[in-house]
Structures are given as C-alpha cells and as structure tokens.
C-alpha atoms as a PDB file:
ATOM      1  CA  MET A   1     340.133 182.553  70.247  1.00  0.00           C
ATOM      2  CA  ALA A   2     336.856 184.459  70.355  1.00  0.00           C
ATOM      3  CA  LYS A   3     333.505 183.808  72.037  1.00  0.00           C
ATOM      4  CA  VAL A   4     330.989 183.932  69.177  1.00  0.00           C
ATOM      5  CA  ALA A   5     327.365 183.233  68.410  1.00  0.00           C
ATOM      6  CA  PHE A   6     325.896 182.319  65.060  1.00  0.00           C
ATOM      7  CA  LEU A   7     322.239 183.102  64.337  1.00  0.00           C
ATOM      8  CA  GLY A   8     320.690 181.171  61.425  1.00  0.00           C
ATOM      9  CA  LEU A   9     321.728 177.664  60.436  1.00  0.00           C
ATOM     10  CA  GLY A  10     320.517 177.523  56.861  1.00  0.00           C
ATOM     11  CA  VAL A  11     322.496 176.128  53.911  1.00  0.00           C
ATOM     12  CA  MET A  12     325.066 178.899  54.427  1.00  0.00           C
ATOM     13  CA  GLY A  13     325.067 179.401  58.191  1.00  0.00           C
ATOM     14  CA  TYR A  14     325.344 175.715  59.127  1.00  0.00           C
ATOM     15  CA  PRO A  15     328.775 175.205  57.511  1.00  0.00           C
ATOM     16  CA  MET A  16     329.987 178.734  58.364  1.00  0.00           C
ATOM     17  CA  ALA A  17     329.385 178.070  62.027  1.00  0.00           C
ATOM     18  CA  ARG A  18     331.131 174.698  61.631  1.00  0.00           C
ATOM     19  CA  HIS A  19     334.246 176.435  60.333  1.00  0.00           C
ATOM     20  CA  LEU A  20     334.225 178.798  63.355  1.00  0.00           C
ATOM     21  CA  LYS A  21     334.166 175.801  65.709  1.00  0.00           C
ATOM     22  CA  ALA A  22     336.866 173.965  63.752  1.00  0.00           C
ATOM     23  CA  LYS A  23     339.138 177.018  64.115  1.00  0.00           C
ATOM     24  CA  GLY A  24     338.828 176.752  67.865  1.00  0.00           C
ATOM     25  CA  HIS A  25     336.305 179.517  68.609  1.00  0.00           C
ATOM     26  CA  ASP A  26     333.757 179.101  71.376  1.00  0.00           C
ATOM     27  CA  VAL A  27     330.501 178.847  69.443  1.00  0.00           C
ATOM     28  CA  THR A  28     326.916 179.246  70.488  1.00  0.00           C
ATOM     29  CA  VAL A  29     324.215 178.738  67.815  1.00  0.00           C
ATOM     30  CA  PHE A  30     320.621 179.761  67.410  1.00  0.00           C
ATOM     31  CA  ASN A  31     318.094 178.702  64.789  1.00  0.00           C
ATOM     32  CA  ARG A  32     314.340 179.330  64.678  1.00  0.00           C
ATOM     33  CA  THR A  33     313.848 175.574  64.290  1.00  0.00           C
ATOM     34  CA  ALA A  34     315.511 174.539  67.544  1.00  0.00           C
ATOM     35  CA  ALA A  35     316.034 170.969  66.415  1.00  0.00           C
ATOM     36  CA  LYS A  36     318.499 172.129  63.777  1.00  0.00           C
ATOM     37  CA  ALA A  37     320.537 173.983  66.428  1.00  0.00           C
ATOM     38  CA  ASP A  38     320.508 170.835  68.606  1.00  0.00           C
ATOM     39  CA  LYS A  39     321.647 168.771  65.626  1.00  0.00           C
ATOM     40  CA  TRP A  40     324.485 171.174  64.954  1.00  0.00           C
ATOM     41  CA  VAL A  41     325.640 170.944  68.596  1.00  0.00           C
ATOM     42  CA  ALA A  42     325.440 167.131  68.498  1.00  0.00           C
ATOM     43  CA  GLU A  43     327.718 167.115  65.442  1.00  0.00           C
ATOM     44  CA  HIS A  44     330.133 169.897  66.353  1.00  0.00           C
ATOM     45  CA  GLY A  45     329.904 170.725  70.037  1.00  0.00           C
ATOM     46  CA  GLY A  46     329.299 174.164  71.418  1.00  0.00           C
ATOM     47  CA  ARG A  47     325.991 175.303  72.833  1.00  0.00           C
ATOM     48  CA  ALA A  48     322.446 175.873  71.473  1.00  0.00           C
ATOM     49  CA  ALA A  49     320.463 178.909  72.595  1.00  0.00           C
ATOM     50  CA  ARG A  50     316.734 179.231  72.476  1.00  0.00           C
ATOM     51  CA  THR A  51     316.568 182.916  71.577  1.00  0.00           C
ATOM     52  CA  PRO A  52     318.861 185.347  69.738  1.00  0.00           C
ATOM     53  CA  ALA A  53     319.248 187.313  72.982  1.00  0.00           C
ATOM     54  CA  GLU A  54     320.382 184.241  74.858  1.00  0.00           C
ATOM     55  CA  ALA A  55     322.850 183.427  72.063  1.00  0.00           C
ATOM     56  CA  ALA A  56     324.271 186.955  72.005  1.00  0.00           C
ATOM     57  CA  ARG A  57     324.726 187.474  75.758  1.00  0.00           C
ATOM     58  CA  GLY A  58     328.440 187.647  76.738  1.00  0.00           C
ATOM     59  CA  GLN A  59     329.777 187.109  73.178  1.00  0.00           C
ATOM     60  CA  ASP A  60     332.653 188.991  71.534  1.00  0.00           C
ATOM     61  CA  ILE A  61     331.130 188.645  68.069  1.00  0.00           C
ATOM     62  CA  VAL A  62     327.618 187.674  66.990  1.00  0.00           C
ATOM     63  CA  PHE A  63     327.194 186.482  63.391  1.00  0.00           C
ATOM     64  CA  ALA A  64     323.895 186.254  61.549  1.00  0.00           C
ATOM     65  CA  CYS A  65     322.886 184.753  58.198  1.00  0.00           C
ATOM     66  CA  VAL A  66     319.125 184.770  57.784  1.00  0.00           C
ATOM     67  CA  GLY A  67     316.641 185.220  54.939  1.00  0.00           C
ATOM     68  CA  ASN A  68     315.764 188.816  54.416  1.00  0.00           C
ATOM     69  CA  ASP A  69     315.286 192.251  56.004  1.00  0.00           C
ATOM     70  CA  ASP A  70     312.305 191.116  58.085  1.00  0.00           C
ATOM     71  CA  ASP A  71     314.125 188.059  59.436  1.00  0.00           C
ATOM     72  CA  LEU A  72     317.128 190.225  60.242  1.00  0.00           C
ATOM     73  CA  ARG A  73     314.941 192.753  62.085  1.00  0.00           C
ATOM     74  CA  GLU A  74     313.384 189.918  64.104  1.00  0.00           C
ATOM     75  CA  VAL A  75     316.697 188.417  65.293  1.00  0.00           C
ATOM     76  CA  THR A  76     318.195 191.797  66.118  1.00  0.00           C
ATOM     77  CA  LEU A  77     315.434 194.110  67.310  1.00  0.00           C
ATOM     78  CA  GLY A  78     312.602 191.653  68.084  1.00  0.00           C
ATOM     79  CA  ALA A  79     311.253 190.851  71.514  1.00  0.00           C
ATOM     80  CA  ASP A  80     314.080 188.360  72.150  1.00  0.00           C
ATOM     81  CA  GLY A  81     316.459 190.022  69.721  1.00  0.00           C
ATOM     82  CA  ALA A  82     320.216 189.879  69.962  1.00  0.00           C
ATOM     83  CA  PHE A  83     320.675 193.683  70.280  1.00  0.00           C
ATOM     84  CA  GLN A  84     319.109 193.778  73.715  1.00  0.00           C
ATOM     85  CA  ALA A  85     321.849 191.422  75.014  1.00  0.00           C
ATOM     86  CA  MET A  86     324.925 192.666  73.145  1.00  0.00           C
ATOM     87  CA  GLY A  87     327.685 193.911  75.460  1.00  0.00           C
ATOM     88  CA  GLN A  88     329.712 197.088  75.242  1.00  0.00           C
ATOM     89  CA  GLY A  89     332.426 196.780  72.611  1.00  0.00           C
ATOM     90  CA  ALA A  90     330.975 193.657  71.004  1.00  0.00           C
ATOM     91  CA  VAL A  91     330.557 193.318  67.213  1.00  0.00           C
ATOM     92  CA  PHE A  92     327.503 192.136  65.308  1.00  0.00           C
ATOM     93  CA  VAL A  93     328.417 190.794  61.843  1.00  0.00           C
ATOM     94  CA  ASP A  94     325.499 190.325  59.421  1.00  0.00           C
ATOM     95  CA  HIS A  95     326.087 187.942  56.498  1.00  0.00           C
ATOM     96  CA  THR A  96     322.501 188.141  55.263  1.00  0.00           C
ATOM     97  CA  THR A  97     322.010 189.605  51.750  1.00  0.00           C
ATOM     98  CA  ALA A  98     319.690 192.436  52.707  1.00  0.00           C
ATOM     99  CA  SER A  99     319.033 196.069  51.877  1.00  0.00           C
ATOM    100  CA  ALA A 100     321.543 198.838  52.516  1.00  0.00           C
ATOM    101  CA  THR A 101     318.779 200.695  54.363  1.00  0.00           C
ATOM    102  CA  ILE A 102     318.471 198.059  57.109  1.00  0.00           C
ATOM    103  CA  ALA A 103     322.217 197.861  57.417  1.00  0.00           C
ATOM    104  CA  ARG A 104     322.393 201.619  58.099  1.00  0.00           C
ATOM    105  CA  ASP A 105     319.462 201.382  60.534  1.00  0.00           C
ATOM    106  CA  LEU A 106     321.008 198.551  62.471  1.00  0.00           C
ATOM    107  CA  ALA A 107     324.420 200.323  62.571  1.00  0.00           C
ATOM    108  CA  THR A 108     322.722 203.338  64.170  1.00  0.00           C
ATOM    109  CA  ALA A 109     320.912 201.102  66.675  1.00  0.00           C
ATOM    110  CA  ALA A 110     324.157 199.309  67.531  1.00  0.00           C
ATOM    111  CA  GLU A 111     326.014 202.545  68.067  1.00  0.00           C
ATOM    112  CA  ALA A 112     323.305 203.694  70.491  1.00  0.00           C
ATOM    113  CA  GLY A 113     323.737 200.420  72.377  1.00  0.00           C
ATOM    114  CA  GLY A 114     327.513 200.746  72.684  1.00  0.00           C
ATOM    115  CA  PHE A 115     328.501 197.998  70.259  1.00  0.00           C
ATOM    116  CA  ALA A 116     329.353 197.807  66.533  1.00  0.00           C
ATOM    117  CA  PHE A 117     327.553 196.520  63.457  1.00  0.00           C
ATOM    118  CA  LEU A 118     329.093 195.303  60.195  1.00  0.00           C
ATOM    119  CA  ASP A 119     327.060 194.462  57.108  1.00  0.00           C
ATOM    120  CA  ALA A 120     329.043 191.650  55.523  1.00  0.00           C
ATOM    121  CA  PRO A 121     327.180 189.769  52.764  1.00  0.00           C
ATOM    122  CA  VAL A 122     329.006 186.910  51.107  1.00  0.00           C
ATOM    123  CA  SER A 123     329.569 185.518  47.643  1.00  0.00           C
ATOM    124  CA  GLY A 124     330.501 181.930  46.815  1.00  0.00           C
ATOM    125  CA  GLY A 125     327.230 180.118  47.437  1.00  0.00           C
ATOM    126  CA  GLN A 126     326.706 176.886  49.326  1.00  0.00           C
ATOM    127  CA  ALA A 127     329.918 175.358  47.960  1.00  0.00           C
ATOM    128  CA  GLY A 128     331.902 178.344  49.194  1.00  0.00           C
ATOM    129  CA  ALA A 129     330.358 178.060  52.644  1.00  0.00           C
ATOM    130  CA  GLU A 130     331.030 174.282  52.799  1.00  0.00           C
ATOM    131  CA  ASN A 131     334.647 174.748  51.709  1.00  0.00           C
ATOM    132  CA  GLY A 132     335.371 177.870  53.765  1.00  0.00           C
ATOM    133  CA  GLN A 133     336.055 179.836  50.580  1.00  0.00           C
ATOM    134  CA  LEU A 134     333.578 182.709  50.747  1.00  0.00           C
ATOM    135  CA  THR A 135     334.247 186.274  49.609  1.00  0.00           C
ATOM    136  CA  VAL A 136     333.001 188.777  52.171  1.00  0.00           C
ATOM    137  CA  MET A 137     332.113 192.406  51.358  1.00  0.00           C
ATOM    138  CA  VAL A 138     331.970 194.590  54.475  1.00  0.00           C
ATOM    139  CA  GLY A 139     330.537 197.926  55.456  1.00  0.00           C
ATOM    140  CA  GLY A 140     331.146 199.556  58.832  1.00  0.00           C
ATOM    141  CA  GLU A 141     333.800 201.068  61.086  1.00  0.00           C
ATOM    142  CA  THR A 142     337.503 200.290  60.835  1.00  0.00           C
ATOM    143  CA  ALA A 143     337.968 199.278  64.454  1.00  0.00           C
ATOM    144  CA  ALA A 144     335.093 196.822  64.372  1.00  0.00           C
ATOM    145  CA  PHE A 145     336.359 195.342  61.130  1.00  0.00           C
ATOM    146  CA  ALA A 146     339.839 194.866  62.621  1.00  0.00           C
ATOM    147  CA  THR A 147     338.217 192.900  65.454  1.00  0.00           C
ATOM    148  CA  ALA A 148     336.015 190.759  63.234  1.00  0.00           C
ATOM    149  CA  GLU A 149     338.208 190.106  60.155  1.00  0.00           C
ATOM    150  CA  PRO A 150     340.454 187.398  61.634  1.00  0.00           C
ATOM    151  CA  VAL A 151     337.407 185.484  62.848  1.00  0.00           C
ATOM    152  CA  ILE A 152     335.568 185.952  59.546  1.00  0.00           C
ATOM    153  CA  MET A 153     338.548 184.426  57.775  1.00  0.00           C
ATOM    154  CA  SER A 154     337.627 181.122  59.470  1.00  0.00           C
ATOM    155  CA  PHE A 155     335.228 180.591  56.523  1.00  0.00           C
ATOM    156  CA  ALA A 156     336.425 183.083  53.956  1.00  0.00           C
ATOM    157  CA  ARG A 157     339.197 183.366  51.355  1.00  0.00           C
ATOM    158  CA  ALA A 158     338.813 187.127  50.959  1.00  0.00           C
ATOM    159  CA  CYS A 159     337.367 189.838  53.190  1.00  0.00           C
ATOM    160  CA  ARG A 160     337.522 193.609  52.617  1.00  0.00           C
ATOM    161  CA  LEU A 161     336.090 196.712  54.255  1.00  0.00           C
ATOM    162  CA  LEU A 162     334.556 198.815  51.504  1.00  0.00           C
ATOM    163  CA  GLY A 163     333.183 201.826  53.308  1.00  0.00           C
ATOM    164  CA  PRO A 164     330.644 202.861  55.958  1.00  0.00           C
ATOM    165  CA  ALA A 165     327.508 200.939  56.984  1.00  0.00           C
ATOM    166  CA  GLY A 166     325.590 199.780  53.915  1.00  0.00           C
ATOM    167  CA  SER A 167     328.642 199.521  51.714  1.00  0.00           C
ATOM    168  CA  GLY A 168     328.847 195.749  52.036  1.00  0.00           C
ATOM    169  CA  GLN A 169     325.264 195.357  50.825  1.00  0.00           C
ATOM    170  CA  LEU A 170     325.818 197.777  47.959  1.00  0.00           C
ATOM    171  CA  ALA A 171     328.900 195.807  46.923  1.00  0.00           C
ATOM    172  CA  LYS A 172     326.872 192.563  46.993  1.00  0.00           C
ATOM    173  CA  MET A 173     324.342 194.258  44.732  1.00  0.00           C
ATOM    174  CA  MET A 174     327.104 194.987  42.218  1.00  0.00           C
ATOM    175  CA  ASN A 175     328.114 191.334  42.455  1.00  0.00           C
ATOM    176  CA  GLN A 176     324.606 190.135  41.641  1.00  0.00           C
ATOM    177  CA  ILE A 177     324.207 192.600  38.776  1.00  0.00           C
ATOM    178  CA  ALA A 178     327.405 191.283  37.214  1.00  0.00           C
ATOM    179  CA  ILE A 179     326.412 187.624  37.691  1.00  0.00           C
ATOM    180  CA  ALA A 180     322.974 188.132  36.175  1.00  0.00           C
ATOM    181  CA  GLY A 181     324.354 189.491  32.941  1.00  0.00           C
ATOM    182  CA  VAL A 182     327.121 186.889  32.670  1.00  0.00           C
ATOM    183  CA  VAL A 183     324.766 183.916  33.215  1.00  0.00           C
ATOM    184  CA  GLN A 184     322.316 185.209  30.617  1.00  0.00           C
ATOM    185  CA  GLY A 185     325.125 185.677  28.116  1.00  0.00           C
ATOM    186  CA  LEU A 186     326.421 182.155  28.733  1.00  0.00           C
ATOM    187  CA  ALA A 187     322.919 180.685  28.414  1.00  0.00           C
ATOM    188  CA  GLU A 188     322.411 182.424  25.066  1.00  0.00           C
ATOM    189  CA  ALA A 189     325.848 181.330  23.780  1.00  0.00           C
ATOM    190  CA  VAL A 190     325.180 177.711  24.697  1.00  0.00           C
ATOM    191  CA  HIS A 191     321.680 177.868  23.193  1.00  0.00           C
ATOM    192  CA  PHE A 192     323.052 179.436  19.997  1.00  0.00           C
ATOM    193  CA  GLY A 193     325.782 176.823  19.684  1.00  0.00           C
ATOM    194  CA  LYS A 194     323.343 173.937  20.139  1.00  0.00           C
ATOM    195  CA  SER A 195     320.927 175.501  17.633  1.00  0.00           C
ATOM    196  CA  ALA A 196     323.779 175.831  15.109  1.00  0.00           C
ATOM    197  CA  GLY A 197     324.789 172.174  15.478  1.00  0.00           C
ATOM    198  CA  LEU A 198     328.170 172.876  17.002  1.00  0.00           C
ATOM    199  CA  ASP A 199     330.062 170.714  19.455  1.00  0.00           C
ATOM    200  CA  VAL A 200     329.400 173.175  22.279  1.00  0.00           C
ATOM    201  CA  GLU A 201     331.787 171.473  24.707  1.00  0.00           C
ATOM    202  CA  ALA A 202     334.607 171.792  22.229  1.00  0.00           C
ATOM    203  CA  VAL A 203     333.802 175.408  21.467  1.00  0.00           C
ATOM    204  CA  ILE A 204     333.698 176.339  25.146  1.00  0.00           C
ATOM    205  CA  GLU A 205     337.040 174.572  25.696  1.00  0.00           C
ATOM    206  CA  VAL A 206     338.469 177.021  23.110  1.00  0.00           C
ATOM    207  CA  ILE A 207     336.681 180.256  23.997  1.00  0.00           C
ATOM    208  CA  SER A 208     337.188 179.747  27.722  1.00  0.00           C
ATOM    209  CA  LYS A 209     340.898 180.434  27.045  1.00  0.00           C
ATOM    210  CA  GLY A 210     340.105 183.868  25.706  1.00  0.00           C
ATOM    211  CA  ALA A 211     338.124 186.982  26.565  1.00  0.00           C
ATOM    212  CA  ALA A 212     334.831 185.062  27.002  1.00  0.00           C
ATOM    213  CA  GLN A 213     336.150 183.205  29.998  1.00  0.00           C
ATOM    214  CA  SER A 214     334.197 183.571  33.269  1.00  0.00           C
ATOM    215  CA  TRP A 215     333.643 181.738  36.532  1.00  0.00           C
ATOM    216  CA  GLN A 216     330.172 180.827  35.287  1.00  0.00           C
ATOM    217  CA  MET A 217     331.552 179.338  32.056  1.00  0.00           C
ATOM    218  CA  GLU A 218     334.192 177.398  33.941  1.00  0.00           C
ATOM    219  CA  ASN A 219     331.857 176.032  36.634  1.00  0.00           C
ATOM    220  CA  ARG A 220     328.426 175.818  35.050  1.00  0.00           C
ATOM    221  CA  HIS A 221     328.669 175.039  31.327  1.00  0.00           C
ATOM    222  CA  LYS A 222     328.876 171.229  31.836  1.00  0.00           C
ATOM    223  CA  THR A 223     325.838 171.086  34.049  1.00  0.00           C
ATOM    224  CA  MET A 224     323.944 173.420  31.704  1.00  0.00           C
ATOM    225  CA  LEU A 225     324.701 171.102  28.772  1.00  0.00           C
ATOM    226  CA  ALA A 226     323.478 168.154  30.852  1.00  0.00           C
ATOM    227  CA  GLY A 227     320.276 169.990  31.752  1.00  0.00           C
ATOM    228  CA  LYS A 228     321.107 169.721  35.461  1.00  0.00           C
ATOM    229  CA  TYR A 229     320.188 172.727  37.543  1.00  0.00           C
ATOM    230  CA  ASP A 230     320.455 171.412  41.086  1.00  0.00           C
ATOM    231  CA  PHE A 231     323.845 172.891  41.977  1.00  0.00           C
ATOM    232  CA  GLY A 232     324.442 176.324  43.370  1.00  0.00           C
ATOM    233  CA  PHE A 233     322.447 179.452  44.096  1.00  0.00           C
ATOM    234  CA  ALA A 234     318.681 179.026  43.739  1.00  0.00           C
ATOM    235  CA  VAL A 235     316.496 181.109  41.429  1.00  0.00           C
ATOM    236  CA  ASP A 236     314.257 182.113  44.335  1.00  0.00           C
ATOM    237  CA  TRP A 237     317.280 183.575  46.135  1.00  0.00           C
ATOM    238  CA  MET A 238     318.511 185.376  43.013  1.00  0.00           C
ATOM    239  CA  ARG A 239     315.118 186.989  42.511  1.00  0.00           C
ATOM    240  CA  LYS A 240     315.145 188.136  46.121  1.00  0.00           C
ATOM    241  CA  ASP A 241     318.586 189.673  45.572  1.00  0.00           C
ATOM    242  CA  LEU A 242     317.682 191.298  42.233  1.00  0.00           C
ATOM    243  CA  GLY A 243     314.552 192.760  43.868  1.00  0.00           C
ATOM    244  CA  ILE A 244     316.823 194.457  46.456  1.00  0.00           C
ATOM    245  CA  VAL A 245     319.104 195.682  43.616  1.00  0.00           C
ATOM    246  CA  LEU A 246     316.227 197.159  41.608  1.00  0.00           C
ATOM    247  CA  ASP A 247     314.734 198.838  44.658  1.00  0.00           C
ATOM    248  CA  GLU A 248     318.091 200.445  45.434  1.00  0.00           C
ATOM    249  CA  ALA A 249     318.528 201.543  41.830  1.00  0.00           C
ATOM    250  CA  ARG A 250     315.165 203.290  41.877  1.00  0.00           C
ATOM    251  CA  GLY A 251     316.415 205.261  44.865  1.00  0.00           C
ATOM    252  CA  ASN A 252     319.881 206.172  43.640  1.00  0.00           C
ATOM    253  CA  GLY A 253     319.015 206.832  39.972  1.00  0.00           C
ATOM    254  CA  ALA A 254     321.046 203.963  38.467  1.00  0.00           C
ATOM    255  CA  THR A 255     319.745 202.590  35.174  1.00  0.00           C
ATOM    256  CA  LEU A 256     319.819 198.786  35.030  1.00  0.00           C
ATOM    257  CA  PRO A 257     317.992 197.623  31.921  1.00  0.00           C
ATOM    258  CA  LEU A 258     319.765 194.267  31.618  1.00  0.00           C
ATOM    259  CA  THR A 259     319.309 193.453  35.322  1.00  0.00           C
ATOM    260  CA  ALA A 260     315.577 194.244  35.109  1.00  0.00           C
ATOM    261  CA  LEU A 261     315.231 192.059  32.014  1.00  0.00           C
ATOM    262  CA  VAL A 262     317.102 189.106  33.542  1.00  0.00           C
ATOM    263  CA  ASP A 263     315.011 189.430  36.652  1.00  0.00           C
ATOM    264  CA  GLN A 264     311.910 188.894  34.500  1.00  0.00           C
ATOM    265  CA  PHE A 265     313.561 185.915  32.811  1.00  0.00           C
ATOM    266  CA  TYR A 266     314.072 184.362  36.270  1.00  0.00           C
ATOM    267  CA  ALA A 267     310.349 185.001  36.947  1.00  0.00           C
ATOM    268  CA  GLU A 268     309.660 182.897  33.868  1.00  0.00           C
ATOM    269  CA  VAL A 269     311.937 180.144  35.196  1.00  0.00           C
ATOM    270  CA  GLN A 270     309.996 180.234  38.503  1.00  0.00           C
ATOM    271  CA  ALA A 271     306.767 179.831  36.547  1.00  0.00           C
ATOM    272  CA  MET A 272     308.289 176.783  34.828  1.00  0.00           C
ATOM    273  CA  GLY A 273     308.704 175.133  38.255  1.00  0.00           C
ATOM    274  CA  GLY A 274     312.358 176.186  38.620  1.00  0.00           C
ATOM    275  CA  LYS A 275     312.195 178.045  41.895  1.00  0.00           C
ATOM    276  CA  ARG A 276     314.884 175.860  43.438  1.00  0.00           C
ATOM    277  CA  TRP A 277     316.909 175.352  40.264  1.00  0.00           C
ATOM    278  CA  ASP A 278     320.258 177.106  40.262  1.00  0.00           C
ATOM    279  CA  THR A 279     320.798 180.358  38.412  1.00  0.00           C
ATOM    280  CA  SER A 280     322.225 178.743  35.298  1.00  0.00           C
ATOM    281  CA  SER A 281     318.683 177.493  34.547  1.00  0.00           C
ATOM    282  CA  LEU A 282     318.233 180.558  32.336  1.00  0.00           C
ATOM    283  CA  LEU A 283     319.163 178.092  29.582  1.00  0.00           C
ATOM    284  CA  ALA A 284     316.069 176.023  30.327  1.00  0.00           C
ATOM    285  CA  ARG A 285     313.891 179.043  29.601  1.00  0.00           C
ATOM    286  CA  LEU A 286     315.523 179.346  26.120  1.00  0.00           C
ATOM    287  CA  GLU A 287     314.934 175.632  25.371  1.00  0.00           C
ATOM    288  CA  ARG A 288     311.226 175.401  26.257  1.00  0.00           C
END
C-alpha cells in the first residue's frame, strides 16, 4: 500500500480520496476549507493537513483535484505549495481539468525538484467519482505512470498513458469536444420529436438500438424529458472546460466551429439561471 495525499475535497476529490482509503492506502487530505478536511477524516480516518506542503511531505504519491490553472498553481508552487515538500522519486498526479500549458510547466518544475508529474484529468463526473468508475487520461513519463497506475485504479475503471506531459489534458479536451456535440444533437432530436407530437420515449427506445445510440442518450434522455437538470456535470464547469479547449485550438490551429457554437449556447443557459444545471440543459434553451 502507498502513502498518499489528496489535495482538494470537492465533489470529485472527496469520494476519490475515500476510495483510496478504502483500498488500504495511508491517506492525508488537504482542503482550503479546513473543516471539510476534518469532516473527511472524521468519516474515513487518515490525517488532515493544514497546507499542501504539509500534506505532501513524506508521501509516495500526491493527488490533486482543484478548480483551475490558478488553483493548481497555488497548491503546487504557492508559498505553502506541495512542490516544496515533495521527496525525491515521489509522483504528483493532477486530476484537475486544466490547460496543457500548466501541465508542461509543472512537469518541468517537478523534474527540477527530483520528482515526477502526471497530468491525469478524469471523465465520468460526480457519479463516476462516487462509484469508483472514472476514466483517467494521463500525460507524463512511463516510469511515473507505472508507479501511479495501480493506485489510480482505486477509483478508476480505465487509465491509460497517452504521451508526454500535457497529453492527458489534450485528451480531456477531445472528450469535452465530443460530449458538447453529442449533447446538442440529443437536445435537438428531443426538441424536434416533442414539436412533431411523437412519443419521444418510444422513439428513443428504438433509435438507441441503432447508430444514434450514445452514453448521453442512454443516461440523460429521461431526465431531459422530465425537465430535470440537477444530475451530472454542471454548465459552469463545462464552460470552463470549453474555454480551455478553444484557447488551445487558437494556439494549435484546430478549427472547432461546433464547439464554439455550443459554448455560446451554454452561455445562454447560464443567462437563464442554469449555471449549476447539468450539461443536458441545452434542451431548456430550445424550449424557452
């Protein structure tokens, strides 16, 4: 079993850290709101640290799942950041959805400090974190991945190294591009069927057995038909991710017209008060 720390106990990190503890790992947790770390320890055991550096000291692997590039910079390179306390040969695994640029920067800083960095964003949402069924896309060095993968599998169903530092974040961007288009297509199909007076549930039962089938259709069409958008990945988070995607595309020359359009549709959902609705709320925009 490994000695690990987990930095960031949000809706994803809280259950991910729980799975690490349940698998027998020695877990130390840190959260900016200390009361949440104390609550986690009261429920699951382990130890709460008051700074990222304190959490990271003496650990084999340090995990992080925070909000964005700035948050990640703070917990790694800040005044009490984890990087100042990481030991030789340790591995830092970042599950934040962030830019490929910061992943490369942190990998360079880690190498200078004698330890390794893996960018390892996840897909599967809150439900995947709760159930230990996340998909993990990883960028970094092979040796570090070999060390971290068995521990990552405490909360994952799939984990793959996809290339050097930054590759995990780029893969997550592909994931979000694909999701954005599929959800918009499903929303339009449901809207069209309702407008045409069809039994949409019956139609989806049929077309979900053919080429139109998708995870979104299987898992979201019922809640969409019910007008319930309180399950899954929030619109605010999707807009953050699509912003990262579009910034990267401007740099690498990729043309993403559908992604840019769906990003604006999500901006309209935000303006409707749907910041915390899940991503399937694109249907609500069509039904205003």
